[in-house]
Amino acid sequence: AMNDVDGDGLANDLCVTDPRIDQVVITPT
């Protein structure tokens, strides 16, 4: 998913569901 998670006004944050580690990761674009 791509959205503004940190509130800086840009859709530059990713929420990645990765089956290789079975984790939900928040990471900048």
PDB file of all heavy atoms in Angstrom:
ATOM      1  N   ALA A   1       0.855  -1.186   0.000  1.00  0.00           N
ATOM      2  CA  ALA A   1       0.000   0.000   0.000  1.00  0.00           C
ATOM      3  C   ALA A   1       0.889   1.233   0.000  1.00  0.00           C
ATOM      4  O   ALA A   1       1.964   1.243   0.601  1.00  0.00           O
ATOM      5  CB  ALA A   1      -0.913   0.007   1.225  1.00  0.00           C
ATOM      6  N   MET A   2       0.435   2.285  -0.688  1.00  0.00           N
ATOM      7  CA  MET A   2       1.168   3.551  -0.740  1.00  0.00           C
ATOM      8  C   MET A   2       0.268   4.648  -0.196  1.00  0.00           C
ATOM      9  O   MET A   2      -0.872   4.803  -0.640  1.00  0.00           O
ATOM     10  CB  MET A   2       1.595   3.871  -2.181  1.00  0.00           C
ATOM     11  CG  MET A   2       2.528   5.083  -2.289  1.00  0.00           C
ATOM     12  SD  MET A   2       2.910   5.574  -4.017  1.00  0.00           S
ATOM     13  CE  MET A   2       3.589   4.052  -4.657  1.00  0.00           C
ATOM     14  N   ASN A   3       0.793   5.413   0.795  1.00  0.00           N
ATOM     15  CA  ASN A   3      -0.012   6.468   1.382  1.00  0.00           C
ATOM     16  C   ASN A   3       0.900   7.404   2.171  1.00  0.00           C
ATOM     17  O   ASN A   3       2.119   7.194   2.263  1.00  0.00           O
ATOM     18  CB  ASN A   3      -1.103   5.881   2.286  1.00  0.00           C
ATOM     19  CG  ASN A   3      -2.425   6.609   2.125  1.00  0.00           C
ATOM     20  OD1 ASN A   3      -2.490   7.825   2.269  1.00  0.00           O
ATOM     21  ND2 ASN A   3      -3.477   5.864   1.820  1.00  0.00           N
ATOM     22  N   ASP A   4       0.302   8.450   2.727  1.00  0.00           N
ATOM     23  CA  ASP A   4       1.029   9.370   3.607  1.00  0.00           C
ATOM     24  C   ASP A   4       0.842   8.883   5.032  1.00  0.00           C
ATOM     25  O   ASP A   4      -0.161   9.174   5.680  1.00  0.00           O
ATOM     26  CB  ASP A   4       0.492  10.788   3.439  1.00  0.00           C
ATOM     27  CG  ASP A   4       1.201  11.790   4.349  1.00  0.00           C
ATOM     28  OD1 ASP A   4       2.224  11.421   4.976  1.00  0.00           O
ATOM     29  OD2 ASP A   4       0.725  12.935   4.459  1.00  0.00           O
ATOM     30  N   VAL A   5       1.808   8.121   5.533  1.00  0.00           N
ATOM     31  CA  VAL A   5       1.703   7.564   6.878  1.00  0.00           C
ATOM     32  C   VAL A   5       2.338   8.479   7.914  1.00  0.00           C
ATOM     33  O   VAL A   5       1.863   8.586   9.039  1.00  0.00           O
ATOM     34  CB  VAL A   5       2.343   6.159   6.934  1.00  0.00           C
ATOM     35  CG1 VAL A   5       2.256   5.570   8.341  1.00  0.00           C
ATOM     36  CG2 VAL A   5       1.659   5.223   5.938  1.00  0.00           C
ATOM     37  N   ASP A   6       3.397   9.199   7.547  1.00  0.00           N
ATOM     38  CA  ASP A   6       4.105  10.031   8.520  1.00  0.00           C
ATOM     39  C   ASP A   6       3.602  11.468   8.572  1.00  0.00           C
ATOM     40  O   ASP A   6       4.105  12.281   9.351  1.00  0.00           O
ATOM     41  CB  ASP A   6       5.609  10.008   8.273  1.00  0.00           C
ATOM     42  CG  ASP A   6       6.011  10.633   6.943  1.00  0.00           C
ATOM     43  OD1 ASP A   6       5.105  10.992   6.153  1.00  0.00           O
ATOM     44  OD2 ASP A   6       7.219  10.760   6.693  1.00  0.00           O
ATOM     45  N   GLY A   7       2.613  11.835   7.735  1.00  0.00           N
ATOM     46  CA  GLY A   7       2.004  13.150   7.819  1.00  0.00           C
ATOM     47  C   GLY A   7       2.789  14.274   7.189  1.00  0.00           C
ATOM     48  O   GLY A   7       2.566  15.444   7.522  1.00  0.00           O
ATOM     49  N   ASP A   8       3.678  13.972   6.229  1.00  0.00           N
ATOM     50  CA  ASP A   8       4.464  15.034   5.590  1.00  0.00           C
ATOM     51  C   ASP A   8       3.784  15.586   4.341  1.00  0.00           C
ATOM     52  O   ASP A   8       4.347  16.415   3.627  1.00  0.00           O
ATOM     53  CB  ASP A   8       5.871  14.548   5.268  1.00  0.00           C
ATOM     54  CG  ASP A   8       5.913  13.475   4.185  1.00  0.00           C
ATOM     55  OD1 ASP A   8       4.828  13.000   3.777  1.00  0.00           O
ATOM     56  OD2 ASP A   8       7.022  13.095   3.763  1.00  0.00           O
ATOM     57  N   GLY A   9       2.558  15.122   4.044  1.00  0.00           N
ATOM     58  CA  GLY A   9       1.812  15.647   2.912  1.00  0.00           C
ATOM     59  C   GLY A   9       2.053  14.938   1.608  1.00  0.00           C
ATOM     60  O   GLY A   9       1.480  15.332   0.574  1.00  0.00           O
ATOM     61  N   LEU A  10       2.877  13.890   1.585  1.00  0.00           N
ATOM     62  CA  LEU A  10       3.172  13.144   0.366  1.00  0.00           C
ATOM     63  C   LEU A  10       2.851  11.666   0.559  1.00  0.00           C
ATOM     64  O   LEU A  10       3.024  11.121   1.659  1.00  0.00           O
ATOM     65  CB  LEU A  10       4.653  13.293  -0.013  1.00  0.00           C
ATOM     66  CG  LEU A  10       5.125  14.685  -0.438  1.00  0.00           C
ATOM     67  CD1 LEU A  10       6.645  14.702  -0.581  1.00  0.00           C
ATOM     68  CD2 LEU A  10       4.458  15.113  -1.750  1.00  0.00           C
ATOM     69  N   ALA A  11       2.423  11.026  -0.510  1.00  0.00           N
ATOM     70  CA  ALA A  11       2.152   9.581  -0.477  1.00  0.00           C
ATOM     71  C   ALA A  11       3.458   8.826  -0.669  1.00  0.00           C
ATOM     72  O   ALA A  11       3.638   8.078  -1.637  1.00  0.00           O
ATOM     73  CB  ALA A  11       1.141   9.210  -1.555  1.00  0.00           C
ATOM     74  N   ASN A  12       4.365   9.009   0.265  1.00  0.00           N
ATOM     75  CA  ASN A  12       5.726   8.472   0.123  1.00  0.00           C
ATOM     76  C   ASN A  12       6.079   7.455   1.196  1.00  0.00           C
ATOM     77  O   ASN A  12       7.247   7.286   1.555  1.00  0.00           O
ATOM     78  CB  ASN A  12       6.751   9.609   0.117  1.00  0.00           C
ATOM     79  CG  ASN A  12       6.665  10.489   1.363  1.00  0.00           C
ATOM     80  OD1 ASN A  12       5.875  10.229   2.266  1.00  0.00           O
ATOM     81  ND2 ASN A  12       7.481  11.545   1.408  1.00  0.00           N
ATOM     82  N   ASP A  13       5.055   6.764   1.712  1.00  0.00           N
ATOM     83  CA  ASP A  13       5.268   5.694   2.684  1.00  0.00           C
ATOM     84  C   ASP A  13       4.610   4.424   2.168  1.00  0.00           C
ATOM     85  O   ASP A  13       3.512   4.458   1.608  1.00  0.00           O
ATOM     86  CB  ASP A  13       4.684   6.074   4.049  1.00  0.00           C
ATOM     87  CG  ASP A  13       5.246   7.391   4.566  1.00  0.00           C
ATOM     88  OD1 ASP A  13       6.460   7.436   4.841  1.00  0.00           O
ATOM     89  OD2 ASP A  13       4.473   8.360   4.678  1.00  0.00           O
ATOM     90  N   LEU A  14       5.287   3.299   2.370  1.00  0.00           N
ATOM     91  CA  LEU A  14       4.791   2.010   1.917  1.00  0.00           C
ATOM     92  C   LEU A  14       4.499   1.108   3.102  1.00  0.00           C
ATOM     93  O   LEU A  14       5.242   1.113   4.091  1.00  0.00           O
ATOM     94  CB  LEU A  14       5.823   1.321   1.010  1.00  0.00           C
ATOM     95  CG  LEU A  14       6.238   2.068  -0.258  1.00  0.00           C
ATOM     96  CD1 LEU A  14       7.375   1.327  -0.966  1.00  0.00           C
ATOM     97  CD2 LEU A  14       5.054   2.235  -1.199  1.00  0.00           C
ATOM     98  N   CYS A  15       3.417   0.356   2.984  1.00  0.00           N
ATOM     99  CA  CYS A  15       3.115  -0.701   3.946  1.00  0.00           C
ATOM    100  C   CYS A  15       3.199  -2.013   3.175  1.00  0.00           C
ATOM    101  O   CYS A  15       2.360  -2.285   2.310  1.00  0.00           O
ATOM    102  CB  CYS A  15       1.730  -0.498   4.558  1.00  0.00           C
ATOM    103  SG  CYS A  15       1.343  -1.658   5.894  1.00  0.00           S
ATOM    104  N   VAL A  16       4.234  -2.805   3.458  1.00  0.00           N
ATOM    105  CA  VAL A  16       4.551  -3.998   2.676  1.00  0.00           C
ATOM    106  C   VAL A  16       4.255  -5.248   3.496  1.00  0.00           C
ATOM    107  O   VAL A  16       4.742  -5.386   4.626  1.00  0.00           O
ATOM    108  CB  VAL A  16       6.038  -4.013   2.253  1.00  0.00           C
ATOM    109  CG1 VAL A  16       6.346  -5.247   1.423  1.00  0.00           C
ATOM    110  CG2 VAL A  16       6.393  -2.741   1.493  1.00  0.00           C
ATOM    111  N   THR A  17       3.454  -6.137   2.933  1.00  0.00           N
ATOM    112  CA  THR A  17       3.223  -7.453   3.535  1.00  0.00           C
ATOM    113  C   THR A  17       4.123  -8.448   2.809  1.00  0.00           C
ATOM    114  O   THR A  17       3.935  -8.698   1.620  1.00  0.00           O
ATOM    115  CB  THR A  17       1.759  -7.873   3.388  1.00  0.00           C
ATOM    116  OG1 THR A  17       0.918  -6.801   3.814  1.00  0.00           O
ATOM    117  CG2 THR A  17       1.454  -9.086   4.233  1.00  0.00           C
ATOM    118  N   ASP A  18       5.105  -8.992   3.527  1.00  0.00           N
ATOM    119  CA  ASP A  18       6.152  -9.799   2.892  1.00  0.00           C
ATOM    120  C   ASP A  18       6.103 -11.231   3.417  1.00  0.00           C
ATOM    121  O   ASP A  18       6.456 -11.488   4.572  1.00  0.00           O
ATOM    122  CB  ASP A  18       7.524  -9.188   3.180  1.00  0.00           C
ATOM    123  CG  ASP A  18       8.634  -9.810   2.350  1.00  0.00           C
ATOM    124  OD1 ASP A  18       8.424 -10.909   1.803  1.00  0.00           O
ATOM    125  OD2 ASP A  18       9.719  -9.210   2.252  1.00  0.00           O
ATOM    126  N   PRO A  19       5.655 -12.208   2.603  1.00  0.00           N
ATOM    127  CA  PRO A  19       5.571 -13.592   3.083  1.00  0.00           C
ATOM    128  C   PRO A  19       6.924 -14.227   3.373  1.00  0.00           C
ATOM    129  O   PRO A  19       6.992 -15.228   4.089  1.00  0.00           O
ATOM    130  CB  PRO A  19       4.854 -14.320   1.942  1.00  0.00           C
ATOM    131  CG  PRO A  19       5.060 -13.473   0.740  1.00  0.00           C
ATOM    132  CD  PRO A  19       5.142 -12.058   1.231  1.00  0.00           C
ATOM    133  N   ARG A  20       8.006 -13.648   2.844  1.00  0.00           N
ATOM    134  CA  ARG A  20       9.327 -14.220   3.122  1.00  0.00           C
ATOM    135  C   ARG A  20       9.683 -14.112   4.592  1.00  0.00           C
ATOM    136  O   ARG A  20      10.426 -14.934   5.133  1.00  0.00           O
ATOM    137  CB  ARG A  20      10.392 -13.515   2.278  1.00  0.00           C
ATOM    138  CG  ARG A  20      10.192 -13.668   0.775  1.00  0.00           C
ATOM    139  CD  ARG A  20      11.195 -12.828   0.018  1.00  0.00           C
ATOM    140  NE  ARG A  20      11.117 -11.421   0.424  1.00  0.00           N
ATOM    141  CZ  ARG A  20      12.031 -10.497   0.130  1.00  0.00           C
ATOM    142  NH1 ARG A  20      13.106 -10.849  -0.567  1.00  0.00           N
ATOM    143  NH2 ARG A  20      11.878  -9.252   0.522  1.00  0.00           N
ATOM    144  N   ILE A  21       9.130 -13.088   5.278  1.00  0.00           N
ATOM    145  CA  ILE A  21       9.407 -12.903   6.700  1.00  0.00           C
ATOM    146  C   ILE A  21       8.121 -12.869   7.528  1.00  0.00           C
ATOM    147  O   ILE A  21       8.180 -12.761   8.748  1.00  0.00           O
ATOM    148  CB  ILE A  21      10.219 -11.611   6.952  1.00  0.00           C
ATOM    149  CG1 ILE A  21       9.491 -10.392   6.382  1.00  0.00           C
ATOM    150  CG2 ILE A  21      11.615 -11.744   6.335  1.00  0.00           C
ATOM    151  CD1 ILE A  21      10.197  -9.063   6.663  1.00  0.00           C
ATOM    152  N   ASP A  22       6.976 -12.969   6.878  1.00  0.00           N
ATOM    153  CA  ASP A  22       5.674 -12.909   7.543  1.00  0.00           C
ATOM    154  C   ASP A  22       5.582 -11.715   8.484  1.00  0.00           C
ATOM    155  O   ASP A  22       5.136 -11.831   9.635  1.00  0.00           O
ATOM    156  CB  ASP A  22       5.380 -14.207   8.299  1.00  0.00           C
ATOM    157  CG  ASP A  22       4.667 -15.226   7.418  1.00  0.00           C
ATOM    158  OD1 ASP A  22       4.181 -14.840   6.332  1.00  0.00           O
ATOM    159  OD2 ASP A  22       4.598 -16.408   7.800  1.00  0.00           O
ATOM    160  N   GLN A  23       5.996 -10.561   7.982  1.00  0.00           N
ATOM    161  CA  GLN A  23       5.933  -9.313   8.729  1.00  0.00           C
ATOM    162  C   GLN A  23       5.247  -8.250   7.880  1.00  0.00           C
ATOM    163  O   GLN A  23       5.197  -8.346   6.649  1.00  0.00           O
ATOM    164  CB  GLN A  23       7.345  -8.829   9.105  1.00  0.00           C
ATOM    165  CG  GLN A  23       8.134  -9.774   9.989  1.00  0.00           C
ATOM    166  CD  GLN A  23       7.584  -9.861  11.396  1.00  0.00           C
ATOM    167  OE1 GLN A  23       7.044  -8.881  11.930  1.00  0.00           O
ATOM    168  NE2 GLN A  23       7.712 -11.025  12.011  1.00  0.00           N
ATOM    169  N   VAL A  24       4.722  -7.233   8.569  1.00  0.00           N
ATOM    170  CA  VAL A  24       4.165  -6.064   7.898  1.00  0.00           C
ATOM    171  C   VAL A  24       5.137  -4.915   8.124  1.00  0.00           C
ATOM    172  O   VAL A  24       5.364  -4.495   9.267  1.00  0.00           O
ATOM    173  CB  VAL A  24       2.778  -5.706   8.448  1.00  0.00           C
ATOM    174  CG1 VAL A  24       2.211  -4.508   7.697  1.00  0.00           C
ATOM    175  CG2 VAL A  24       1.836  -6.900   8.327  1.00  0.00           C
ATOM    176  N   VAL A  25       5.716  -4.411   7.037  1.00  0.00           N
ATOM    177  CA  VAL A  25       6.832  -3.471   7.100  1.00  0.00           C
ATOM    178  C   VAL A  25       6.380  -2.088   6.639  1.00  0.00           C
ATOM    179  O   VAL A  25       5.712  -1.951   5.609  1.00  0.00           O
ATOM    180  CB  VAL A  25       8.002  -3.969   6.234  1.00  0.00           C
ATOM    181  CG1 VAL A  25       9.087  -2.906   6.113  1.00  0.00           C
ATOM    182  CG2 VAL A  25       8.572  -5.263   6.814  1.00  0.00           C
ATOM    183  N   ILE A  26       6.762  -1.066   7.403  1.00  0.00           N
ATOM    184  CA  ILE A  26       6.580   0.323   6.994  1.00  0.00           C
ATOM    185  C   ILE A  26       7.935   0.843   6.544  1.00  0.00           C
ATOM    186  O   ILE A  26       8.925   0.748   7.284  1.00  0.00           O
ATOM    187  CB  ILE A  26       6.036   1.190   8.145  1.00  0.00           C
ATOM    188  CG1 ILE A  26       4.795   0.548   8.757  1.00  0.00           C
ATOM    189  CG2 ILE A  26       5.734   2.593   7.643  1.00  0.00           C
ATOM    190  CD1 ILE A  26       3.667   0.333   7.782  1.00  0.00           C
ATOM    191  N   THR A  27       7.984   1.394   5.333  1.00  0.00           N
ATOM    192  CA  THR A  27       9.256   1.840   4.769  1.00  0.00           C
ATOM    193  C   THR A  27       9.016   3.017   3.832  1.00  0.00           C
ATOM    194  O   THR A  27       7.969   3.090   3.193  1.00  0.00           O
ATOM    195  CB  THR A  27       9.945   0.669   4.022  1.00  0.00           C
ATOM    196  OG1 THR A  27      11.222   1.076   3.534  1.00  0.00           O
ATOM    197  CG2 THR A  27       9.097   0.173   2.864  1.00  0.00           C
ATOM    198  N   PRO A  28       9.961   3.965   3.767  1.00  0.00           N
ATOM    199  CA  PRO A  28       9.779   5.103   2.845  1.00  0.00           C
ATOM    200  C   PRO A  28       9.963   4.681   1.396  1.00  0.00           C
ATOM    201  O   PRO A  28      10.695   3.730   1.100  1.00  0.00           O
ATOM    202  CB  PRO A  28      10.872   6.081   3.286  1.00  0.00           C
ATOM    203  CG  PRO A  28      11.907   5.239   3.947  1.00  0.00           C
ATOM    204  CD  PRO A  28      11.187   4.089   4.571  1.00  0.00           C
ATOM    205  N   THR A  29       9.283   5.372   0.496  1.00  0.00           N
ATOM    206  CA  THR A  29       9.519   5.125  -0.920  1.00  0.00           C
ATOM    207  C   THR A  29      10.950   5.535  -1.263  1.00  0.00           C
ATOM    208  O   THR A  29      11.479   6.496  -0.701  1.00  0.00           O
ATOM    209  CB  THR A  29       8.531   5.903  -1.795  1.00  0.00           C
ATOM    210  OG1 THR A  29       8.645   7.298  -1.496  1.00  0.00           O
ATOM    211  CG2 THR A  29       7.108   5.450  -1.557  1.00  0.00           C
TER     212      THR A  29
END
